[in-house]
Protein backbone atom coordinates (compact mmCIF):
# COMPACT_ATOMS: atom_id res chain seq x y z
CA MET A 1 109.51 75.94 65.19
CA ASP A 2 110.11 73.16 67.58
CA VAL A 3 109.52 73.85 71.20
CA GLN A 4 113.23 73.79 72.24
CA THR A 5 114.11 76.30 69.53
CA ARG A 6 111.23 78.46 70.61
CA ALA A 7 112.45 78.43 74.31
CA GLU A 8 115.93 79.42 73.43
CA LYS A 9 114.73 82.23 71.13
CA ALA A 10 112.51 83.44 73.84
CA ALA A 11 115.28 83.45 76.39
CA ARG A 12 117.77 85.32 74.10
CA LYS A 13 114.98 87.98 73.20
CA LEU A 14 114.06 88.33 76.98
CA LEU A 15 117.75 88.69 78.33
CA SER A 16 118.99 90.85 75.46
CA GLY A 17 117.33 93.86 77.11
CA ASP A 18 117.70 92.78 80.75
CA ARG A 19 120.21 95.20 81.98
CA ALA A 20 119.83 94.17 85.65
CA SER A 21 120.83 90.56 84.86
CA HIS A 22 123.66 91.76 82.76
CA SER A 23 125.02 94.11 85.54
CA PHE A 24 125.30 90.99 87.84
CA ASP A 25 126.96 88.95 85.18
CA MET A 26 124.24 86.16 85.29
CA ARG A 27 124.63 83.56 82.67
CA LEU A 28 121.82 81.46 81.26
CA ASP A 29 123.20 77.87 81.53
CA THR A 30 119.98 75.73 80.64
CA ILE A 31 116.63 76.59 78.98
CA ARG A 32 113.90 74.16 78.09
CA PRO A 33 110.11 74.77 77.85
CA GLY A 34 109.03 75.65 81.49
CA TYR A 35 112.59 75.16 82.80
CA ALA A 36 115.60 77.51 83.20
CA GLU A 37 119.04 77.52 85.02
CA VAL A 38 120.79 80.81 85.57
CA SER A 39 123.87 81.26 87.47
CA MET A 40 126.15 83.99 88.81
CA VAL A 41 129.21 84.52 91.12
CA VAL A 42 128.67 86.58 94.31
CA ARG A 43 130.88 89.59 93.93
CA ASP A 44 132.17 92.16 96.54
CA ASP A 45 129.66 94.75 95.29
CA MET A 46 126.71 92.36 96.15
CA ILE A 47 127.74 92.00 99.85
CA ASN A 48 125.53 93.38 102.67
CA GLY A 49 126.44 94.59 106.05
CA HIS A 50 126.60 91.09 107.32
CA LYS A 51 129.23 90.26 104.80
CA THR A 52 126.75 87.83 102.96
CA ALA A 53 125.14 88.13 99.57
CA HIS A 54 122.48 90.87 99.80
CA GLY A 55 119.04 89.20 99.86
CA GLY A 56 118.02 91.40 96.88
CA VAL A 57 120.63 89.95 94.83
CA VAL A 58 119.72 86.45 95.53
CA PHE A 59 116.11 87.34 94.67
CA THR A 60 117.10 88.95 91.53
CA LEU A 61 118.81 85.78 90.44
CA ALA A 62 115.91 83.60 91.17
CA ASP A 63 113.62 86.10 89.58
CA THR A 64 115.60 86.05 86.36
CA ALA A 65 115.40 82.22 86.13
CA PHE A 66 111.72 82.51 86.86
CA ALA A 67 111.38 84.95 84.00
CA CYS A 68 113.34 82.79 81.56
CA ALA A 69 111.18 79.78 82.37
CA CYS A 70 107.72 81.46 82.32
CA ASN A 71 108.52 83.28 78.96
CA SER A 72 109.99 80.02 77.37
CA HIS A 73 106.75 79.31 75.53
CA ASN A 74 107.02 82.57 73.55
CA ILE A 75 104.09 83.99 75.34
CA THR A 76 104.83 87.39 77.34
CA ASN A 77 104.51 86.74 81.14
CA VAL A 78 105.26 89.16 84.04
CA ALA A 79 105.35 88.30 87.69
CA ALA A 80 102.10 88.78 89.52
CA ASN A 81 103.38 87.40 92.82
CA CYS A 82 106.79 86.30 94.17
CA GLN A 83 107.82 85.02 97.69
CA ILE A 84 111.24 83.90 98.73
CA SER A 85 112.56 81.98 101.73
CA PHE A 86 116.24 82.26 102.64
CA VAL A 87 117.71 79.17 104.00
CA ARG A 88 121.40 79.81 104.41
CA PRO A 89 123.65 82.72 103.44
CA ALA A 90 125.49 82.97 100.02
CA LEU A 91 129.17 84.07 100.61
CA LEU A 92 131.53 86.10 98.65
CA GLY A 93 132.86 84.06 95.64
CA ASP A 94 130.01 81.53 95.79
CA ARG A 95 128.82 80.50 92.38
CA LEU A 96 125.01 80.44 92.80
CA LEU A 97 122.74 78.30 90.55
CA ALA A 98 118.84 79.04 90.27
CA ARG A 99 116.76 76.31 88.83
CA ALA A 100 113.34 77.32 87.77
CA GLU A 101 110.76 74.74 87.22
CA GLU A 102 107.24 75.23 85.90
CA ILE A 103 104.71 73.57 88.46
CA SER A 104 101.51 74.62 86.63
CA LEU A 105 100.59 76.48 83.38
CA GLY A 106 96.95 77.84 82.67
CA ARG A 107 95.89 80.06 80.07
CA ARG A 108 96.34 83.30 81.99
CA SER A 109 98.72 82.43 84.79
CA GLY A 110 101.57 79.85 85.85
CA VAL A 111 103.25 78.82 89.07
CA TYR A 112 107.09 78.20 89.13
CA ASP A 113 109.37 77.00 91.83
CA VAL A 114 113.05 78.10 92.00
CA ARG A 115 115.88 76.61 93.97
CA VAL A 116 118.90 78.74 94.48
CA GLU A 117 121.87 76.56 95.45
CA ASN A 118 125.55 77.24 96.14
CA GLY A 119 128.53 75.51 94.33
CA ASP A 120 128.41 72.79 97.01
CA GLY A 121 124.86 72.19 95.97
CA LYS A 122 123.56 73.45 99.41
CA LEU A 123 120.10 75.32 99.32
CA VAL A 124 120.50 79.02 99.66
CA ALA A 125 116.90 79.98 98.89
CA LEU A 126 113.45 78.75 97.74
CA PHE A 127 111.46 81.11 95.63
CA ARG A 128 107.87 80.66 94.30
CA GLY A 129 106.54 82.89 91.45
CA MET A 130 103.34 83.33 89.82
CA SER A 131 103.26 84.55 86.35
CA MET A 132 100.51 86.45 84.52
CA SER A 133 100.21 86.20 80.84
CA LEU A 134 99.87 89.38 78.70
CA ASP A 135 98.57 87.20 75.89
CA ARG A 136 101.11 88.26 73.28
CA PRO A 137 104.30 86.86 71.95
CA LEU A 138 107.88 87.82 72.69
CA PHE A 139 108.57 87.46 69.17
CA GLU A 140 106.77 86.80 65.81
CA GLU A 141 107.46 83.26 64.74
CA ASP A 142 106.17 83.62 61.24
CA MET A 143 108.57 86.49 60.62
CA GLU A 144 111.59 84.50 61.82
């Protein structure tokens, strides 16, 4: 199986059971080995008391892109550490795009940076995630 097909299949497998991402109507726009783009539109039920997107919603979008990128090699990975810096608020109706990129990949861990931008391409948040490998595939390739 080529690396692109593997990344696509891994993302489909991962997201098929991800009820949180589905509940936010997140969409996988791009997937490549070590890279993912996930988008969503900020809805009324995602707004906080300041009338901006709740930080947890922005974090969830970034985390979903991170998960797709770090699992794209068909090795099950989970988050070991994540941090986010909020740069500007996201507003009701904004289409947010999270771009996750692999910075470093070792045998047991990886580092991924995620940029969350609004529809105007302005930076909303910067997220850095460290993944930990569980040393098992998401799906069995020889059975496919």
